[in-house]
Amino acid sequence: MYIYNVTVNIDRSAEQDWLRWMQEKHIPDMLATGKFSEAKLSQVMVEEEQGVTYSVQYTTDSEETLQKYYGENADKLRKESLALFGEKFVAFRTELKVINHVRNFVKS
């Protein structure tokens, strides 16, 4: 399993529009590519002078599937965010390979 992580610092003046767009449009579009099984949107809990920072983690089954996303979908989806929010955000992307995934199951 791999996680495609996108960390975004968004200007406070655009934050609410960006959050709405992420939840109503961008994340559903990412999942609609068929390359990701789930997405998790989190606020990074640090105080920033400029903007607010968020992390979006998209789970995919393999490095090959992630490479297909880059080749088939990434440019179009990135251009849309630039067209809407331009200079109001900065983003950096990281790829994570999951080594171990443990869930805590509580017995009743």
N, C-alpha and C. Protein backbone atom coordinates (compact mmCIF):
# COMPACT_ATOMS: atom_id res chain seq x y z
N MET A 1 0.85 -1.17 0.00
CA MET A 1 0.00 0.00 0.00
C MET A 1 0.90 1.24 0.00
N TYR A 2 0.46 2.26 -0.72
CA TYR A 2 1.18 3.53 -0.81
C TYR A 2 0.23 4.67 -0.45
N ILE A 3 0.81 5.72 0.08
CA ILE A 3 0.05 6.93 0.36
C ILE A 3 0.68 8.07 -0.42
N TYR A 4 -0.16 8.76 -1.18
CA TYR A 4 0.23 9.96 -1.89
C TYR A 4 -0.21 11.12 -1.00
N ASN A 5 0.74 11.82 -0.39
CA ASN A 5 0.44 12.89 0.55
C ASN A 5 0.68 14.24 -0.11
N VAL A 6 -0.31 15.11 -0.01
CA VAL A 6 -0.19 16.47 -0.52
C VAL A 6 -0.38 17.40 0.68
N THR A 7 0.66 18.17 0.99
CA THR A 7 0.59 19.15 2.07
C THR A 7 0.44 20.52 1.43
N VAL A 8 -0.58 21.25 1.89
CA VAL A 8 -0.93 22.54 1.29
C VAL A 8 -0.98 23.60 2.37
N ASN A 9 -0.35 24.74 2.11
CA ASN A 9 -0.52 25.92 2.94
C ASN A 9 -1.36 26.88 2.12
N ILE A 10 -2.55 27.19 2.64
CA ILE A 10 -3.51 28.03 1.91
C ILE A 10 -3.68 29.36 2.66
N ASP A 11 -3.69 30.43 1.92
CA ASP A 11 -3.90 31.77 2.49
C ASP A 11 -5.24 31.80 3.22
N ARG A 12 -5.26 32.45 4.37
CA ARG A 12 -6.48 32.51 5.18
C ARG A 12 -7.66 33.11 4.40
N SER A 13 -7.39 34.02 3.49
CA SER A 13 -8.47 34.66 2.73
C SER A 13 -9.17 33.69 1.78
N ALA A 14 -8.51 32.59 1.43
CA ALA A 14 -9.09 31.61 0.51
C ALA A 14 -9.41 30.28 1.19
N GLU A 15 -9.13 30.18 2.47
CA GLU A 15 -9.22 28.90 3.17
C GLU A 15 -10.60 28.25 3.07
N GLN A 16 -11.65 28.97 3.36
CA GLN A 16 -12.99 28.35 3.37
C GLN A 16 -13.43 27.93 1.97
N ASP A 17 -13.13 28.73 0.96
CA ASP A 17 -13.45 28.34 -0.42
C ASP A 17 -12.64 27.11 -0.82
N TRP A 18 -11.37 27.08 -0.43
CA TRP A 18 -10.51 25.94 -0.76
C TRP A 18 -11.01 24.67 -0.09
N LEU A 19 -11.35 24.75 1.21
CA LEU A 19 -11.86 23.58 1.93
C LEU A 19 -13.13 23.04 1.28
N ARG A 20 -14.04 23.94 0.93
CA ARG A 20 -15.29 23.52 0.27
C ARG A 20 -14.97 22.84 -1.06
N TRP A 21 -14.10 23.46 -1.86
CA TRP A 21 -13.72 22.89 -3.16
C TRP A 21 -13.05 21.53 -2.99
N MET A 22 -12.16 21.42 -2.01
CA MET A 22 -11.49 20.14 -1.78
C MET A 22 -12.50 19.05 -1.48
N GLN A 23 -13.44 19.32 -0.58
CA GLN A 23 -14.37 18.30 -0.14
C GLN A 23 -15.47 17.99 -1.16
N GLU A 24 -15.90 19.01 -1.89
CA GLU A 24 -17.01 18.81 -2.83
C GLU A 24 -16.55 18.46 -4.24
N LYS A 25 -15.33 18.87 -4.63
CA LYS A 25 -14.91 18.69 -6.01
C LYS A 25 -13.59 17.91 -6.15
N HIS A 26 -12.53 18.44 -5.57
CA HIS A 26 -11.20 17.87 -5.86
C HIS A 26 -11.02 16.45 -5.32
N ILE A 27 -11.32 16.23 -4.05
CA ILE A 27 -11.15 14.88 -3.51
C ILE A 27 -12.05 13.88 -4.24
N PRO A 28 -13.33 14.20 -4.49
CA PRO A 28 -14.14 13.27 -5.29
C PRO A 28 -13.55 13.02 -6.69
N ASP A 29 -12.98 14.06 -7.32
CA ASP A 29 -12.35 13.88 -8.64
C ASP A 29 -11.13 12.97 -8.54
N MET A 30 -10.34 13.12 -7.49
CA MET A 30 -9.18 12.24 -7.29
C MET A 30 -9.63 10.79 -7.14
N LEU A 31 -10.64 10.56 -6.33
CA LEU A 31 -11.13 9.20 -6.13
C LEU A 31 -11.76 8.64 -7.40
N ALA A 32 -12.38 9.52 -8.19
CA ALA A 32 -13.02 9.09 -9.44
C ALA A 32 -12.02 8.62 -10.49
N THR A 33 -10.73 8.93 -10.32
CA THR A 33 -9.73 8.42 -11.26
C THR A 33 -9.63 6.90 -11.18
N GLY A 34 -10.11 6.33 -10.07
CA GLY A 34 -10.01 4.89 -9.87
C GLY A 34 -8.65 4.44 -9.37
N LYS A 35 -7.79 5.39 -9.06
CA LYS A 35 -6.42 5.06 -8.66
C LYS A 35 -6.21 5.10 -7.16
N PHE A 36 -7.20 5.62 -6.43
CA PHE A 36 -7.09 5.74 -4.98
C PHE A 36 -8.32 5.12 -4.32
N SER A 37 -8.11 4.44 -3.21
CA SER A 37 -9.22 3.78 -2.52
C SER A 37 -9.84 4.65 -1.43
N GLU A 38 -9.08 5.60 -0.91
CA GLU A 38 -9.62 6.49 0.11
C GLU A 38 -8.78 7.76 0.19
N ALA A 39 -9.37 8.77 0.83
CA ALA A 39 -8.67 10.03 1.03
C ALA A 39 -8.95 10.51 2.45
N LYS A 40 -7.94 11.12 3.04
CA LYS A 40 -8.08 11.65 4.40
C LYS A 40 -7.58 13.08 4.39
N LEU A 41 -8.44 14.04 4.76
CA LEU A 41 -8.09 15.45 4.82
C LEU A 41 -7.89 15.83 6.29
N SER A 42 -6.72 16.38 6.61
CA SER A 42 -6.39 16.74 7.99
C SER A 42 -5.80 18.14 8.03
N GLN A 43 -6.06 18.84 9.13
CA GLN A 43 -5.39 20.12 9.35
C GLN A 43 -4.11 19.84 10.12
N VAL A 44 -3.01 20.43 9.68
CA VAL A 44 -1.73 20.31 10.37
C VAL A 44 -1.78 21.28 11.54
N MET A 45 -1.57 20.77 12.74
CA MET A 45 -1.77 21.56 13.95
C MET A 45 -0.49 22.30 14.36
N VAL A 46 -0.10 23.24 13.51
CA VAL A 46 1.00 24.15 13.82
C VAL A 46 0.53 25.57 13.54
N GLU A 47 1.04 26.51 14.29
CA GLU A 47 0.69 27.91 14.08
C GLU A 47 1.58 28.48 12.99
N GLU A 48 0.98 28.99 11.94
CA GLU A 48 1.72 29.54 10.80
C GLU A 48 1.49 31.05 10.73
N GLU A 49 2.54 31.78 10.38
CA GLU A 49 2.37 33.22 10.14
C GLU A 49 1.57 33.45 8.88
N GLN A 50 1.84 32.66 7.88
CA GLN A 50 1.18 32.80 6.58
C GLN A 50 0.26 31.60 6.33
N GLY A 51 -1.02 31.78 6.37
CA GLY A 51 -1.95 30.75 5.98
C GLY A 51 -2.15 29.63 6.99
N VAL A 52 -2.88 28.61 6.52
CA VAL A 52 -3.22 27.44 7.31
C VAL A 52 -2.76 26.22 6.52
N THR A 53 -2.23 25.22 7.21
CA THR A 53 -1.67 24.06 6.53
C THR A 53 -2.57 22.84 6.69
N TYR A 54 -2.75 22.14 5.59
CA TYR A 54 -3.55 20.92 5.55
C TYR A 54 -2.74 19.81 4.88
N SER A 55 -3.10 18.58 5.21
CA SER A 55 -2.52 17.41 4.56
C SER A 55 -3.66 16.57 4.00
N VAL A 56 -3.50 16.13 2.76
CA VAL A 56 -4.47 15.21 2.17
C VAL A 56 -3.71 13.94 1.83
N GLN A 57 -4.18 12.82 2.33
CA GLN A 57 -3.52 11.54 2.09
C GLN A 57 -4.44 10.65 1.28
N TYR A 58 -3.95 10.28 0.10
CA TYR A 58 -4.69 9.40 -0.80
C TYR A 58 -4.04 8.02 -0.78
N THR A 59 -4.80 6.98 -0.50
CA THR A 59 -4.28 5.63 -0.42
C THR A 59 -4.43 4.93 -1.77
N THR A 60 -3.35 4.28 -2.20
CA THR A 60 -3.36 3.53 -3.45
C THR A 60 -2.72 2.17 -3.23
N ASP A 61 -2.97 1.24 -4.14
CA ASP A 61 -2.53 -0.14 -3.93
C ASP A 61 -1.06 -0.39 -4.28
N SER A 62 -0.48 0.43 -5.15
CA SER A 62 0.88 0.13 -5.60
C SER A 62 1.57 1.36 -6.17
N GLU A 63 2.88 1.24 -6.29
CA GLU A 63 3.66 2.30 -6.92
C GLU A 63 3.27 2.44 -8.39
N GLU A 64 2.97 1.32 -9.03
CA GLU A 64 2.56 1.34 -10.45
C GLU A 64 1.27 2.15 -10.65
N THR A 65 0.32 1.96 -9.74
CA THR A 65 -0.93 2.71 -9.84
C THR A 65 -0.67 4.19 -9.63
N LEU A 66 0.20 4.53 -8.70
CA LEU A 66 0.55 5.93 -8.46
C LEU A 66 1.21 6.53 -9.71
N GLN A 67 2.09 5.78 -10.35
CA GLN A 67 2.72 6.26 -11.58
C GLN A 67 1.68 6.47 -12.69
N LYS A 68 0.68 5.61 -12.75
CA LYS A 68 -0.41 5.80 -13.73
C LYS A 68 -1.16 7.10 -13.45
N TYR A 69 -1.39 7.39 -12.18
CA TYR A 69 -2.04 8.65 -11.82
C TYR A 69 -1.22 9.83 -12.34
N TYR A 70 0.10 9.80 -12.10
CA TYR A 70 0.95 10.89 -12.58
C TYR A 70 0.85 11.04 -14.10
N GLY A 71 0.86 9.93 -14.81
CA GLY A 71 0.84 9.99 -16.26
C GLY A 71 -0.50 10.32 -16.87
N GLU A 72 -1.58 9.93 -16.22
CA GLU A 72 -2.91 10.07 -16.81
C GLU A 72 -3.78 11.18 -16.23
N ASN A 73 -3.54 11.58 -14.98
CA ASN A 73 -4.49 12.49 -14.31
C ASN A 73 -3.88 13.71 -13.63
N ALA A 74 -2.64 13.62 -13.18
CA ALA A 74 -2.08 14.65 -12.30
C ALA A 74 -2.08 16.05 -12.92
N ASP A 75 -1.64 16.18 -14.16
CA ASP A 75 -1.55 17.51 -14.77
C ASP A 75 -2.89 18.23 -14.79
N LYS A 76 -3.92 17.53 -15.22
CA LYS A 76 -5.26 18.14 -15.32
C LYS A 76 -5.76 18.59 -13.95
N LEU A 77 -5.62 17.73 -12.95
CA LEU A 77 -6.13 18.06 -11.62
C LEU A 77 -5.31 19.18 -10.96
N ARG A 78 -4.01 19.20 -11.19
CA ARG A 78 -3.18 20.27 -10.62
C ARG A 78 -3.49 21.60 -11.29
N LYS A 79 -3.71 21.60 -12.59
CA LYS A 79 -4.02 22.84 -13.30
C LYS A 79 -5.31 23.47 -12.80
N GLU A 80 -6.28 22.64 -12.46
CA GLU A 80 -7.54 23.17 -11.95
C GLU A 80 -7.33 23.91 -10.64
N SER A 81 -6.52 23.36 -9.74
CA SER A 81 -6.28 24.04 -8.47
C SER A 81 -5.53 25.35 -8.69
N LEU A 82 -4.58 25.35 -9.62
CA LEU A 82 -3.87 26.60 -9.94
C LEU A 82 -4.79 27.65 -10.52
N ALA A 83 -5.71 27.23 -11.39
CA ALA A 83 -6.65 28.17 -12.00
C ALA A 83 -7.56 28.81 -10.95
N LEU A 84 -7.94 28.04 -9.96
CA LEU A 84 -8.87 28.55 -8.95
C LEU A 84 -8.19 29.32 -7.83
N PHE A 85 -7.00 28.87 -7.40
CA PHE A 85 -6.39 29.44 -6.21
C PHE A 85 -5.02 30.06 -6.44
N GLY A 86 -4.47 29.91 -7.63
CA GLY A 86 -3.23 30.56 -8.05
C GLY A 86 -2.19 30.78 -6.98
N GLU A 87 -1.96 32.05 -6.66
CA GLU A 87 -0.92 32.45 -5.72
C GLU A 87 -1.35 32.32 -4.26
N LYS A 88 -2.54 31.81 -4.01
CA LYS A 88 -3.07 31.71 -2.64
C LYS A 88 -2.60 30.47 -1.90
N PHE A 89 -1.85 29.58 -2.57
CA PHE A 89 -1.41 28.37 -1.89
C PHE A 89 -0.05 27.92 -2.38
N VAL A 90 0.60 27.12 -1.54
CA VAL A 90 1.79 26.38 -1.94
C VAL A 90 1.54 24.93 -1.53
N ALA A 91 2.06 24.01 -2.33
CA ALA A 91 1.86 22.59 -2.05
C ALA A 91 3.15 21.84 -2.25
N PHE A 92 3.34 20.81 -1.45
CA PHE A 92 4.40 19.87 -1.75
C PHE A 92 3.86 18.46 -1.56
N ARG A 93 4.41 17.56 -2.34
CA ARG A 93 3.89 16.20 -2.41
C ARG A 93 4.95 15.20 -1.99
N THR A 94 4.52 14.17 -1.26
CA THR A 94 5.40 13.10 -0.86
C THR A 94 4.71 11.76 -1.10
N GLU A 95 5.51 10.76 -1.37
CA GLU A 95 5.01 9.40 -1.52
C GLU A 95 5.47 8.59 -0.32
N LEU A 96 4.55 7.86 0.26
CA LEU A 96 4.85 7.05 1.44
C LEU A 96 4.54 5.58 1.13
N LYS A 97 5.47 4.72 1.47
CA LYS A 97 5.24 3.28 1.34
C LYS A 97 4.88 2.76 2.73
N VAL A 98 3.70 2.17 2.86
CA VAL A 98 3.24 1.67 4.14
C VAL A 98 3.99 0.37 4.46
N ILE A 99 4.65 0.34 5.58
CA ILE A 99 5.39 -0.83 6.02
C ILE A 99 4.52 -1.74 6.88
N ASN A 100 3.73 -1.13 7.75
CA ASN A 100 2.88 -1.89 8.65
C ASN A 100 1.64 -1.06 8.95
N HIS A 101 0.48 -1.70 8.95
CA HIS A 101 -0.78 -1.03 9.24
C HIS A 101 -1.49 -1.85 10.30
N VAL A 102 -1.61 -1.29 11.50
CA VAL A 102 -2.21 -2.01 12.62
C VAL A 102 -3.49 -1.29 13.04
N ARG A 103 -4.53 -2.04 13.25
CA ARG A 103 -5.77 -1.47 13.73
C ARG A 103 -6.03 -2.01 15.13
N ASN A 104 -6.61 -1.19 15.96
CA ASN A 104 -6.96 -1.59 17.32
C ASN A 104 -8.42 -2.00 17.35
N PHE A 105 -8.66 -3.26 17.60
CA PHE A 105 -10.02 -3.77 17.68
C PHE A 105 -10.35 -4.00 19.15
N VAL A 106 -11.38 -3.35 19.62
CA VAL A 106 -11.81 -3.48 20.99
C VAL A 106 -12.84 -4.60 21.09
N LYS A 107 -12.60 -5.54 21.98
CA LYS A 107 -13.55 -6.64 22.19
C LYS A 107 -14.67 -6.15 23.09
N SER A 108 -15.88 -6.57 22.74
CA SER A 108 -17.02 -6.17 23.58
C SER A 108 -17.53 -7.31 24.42
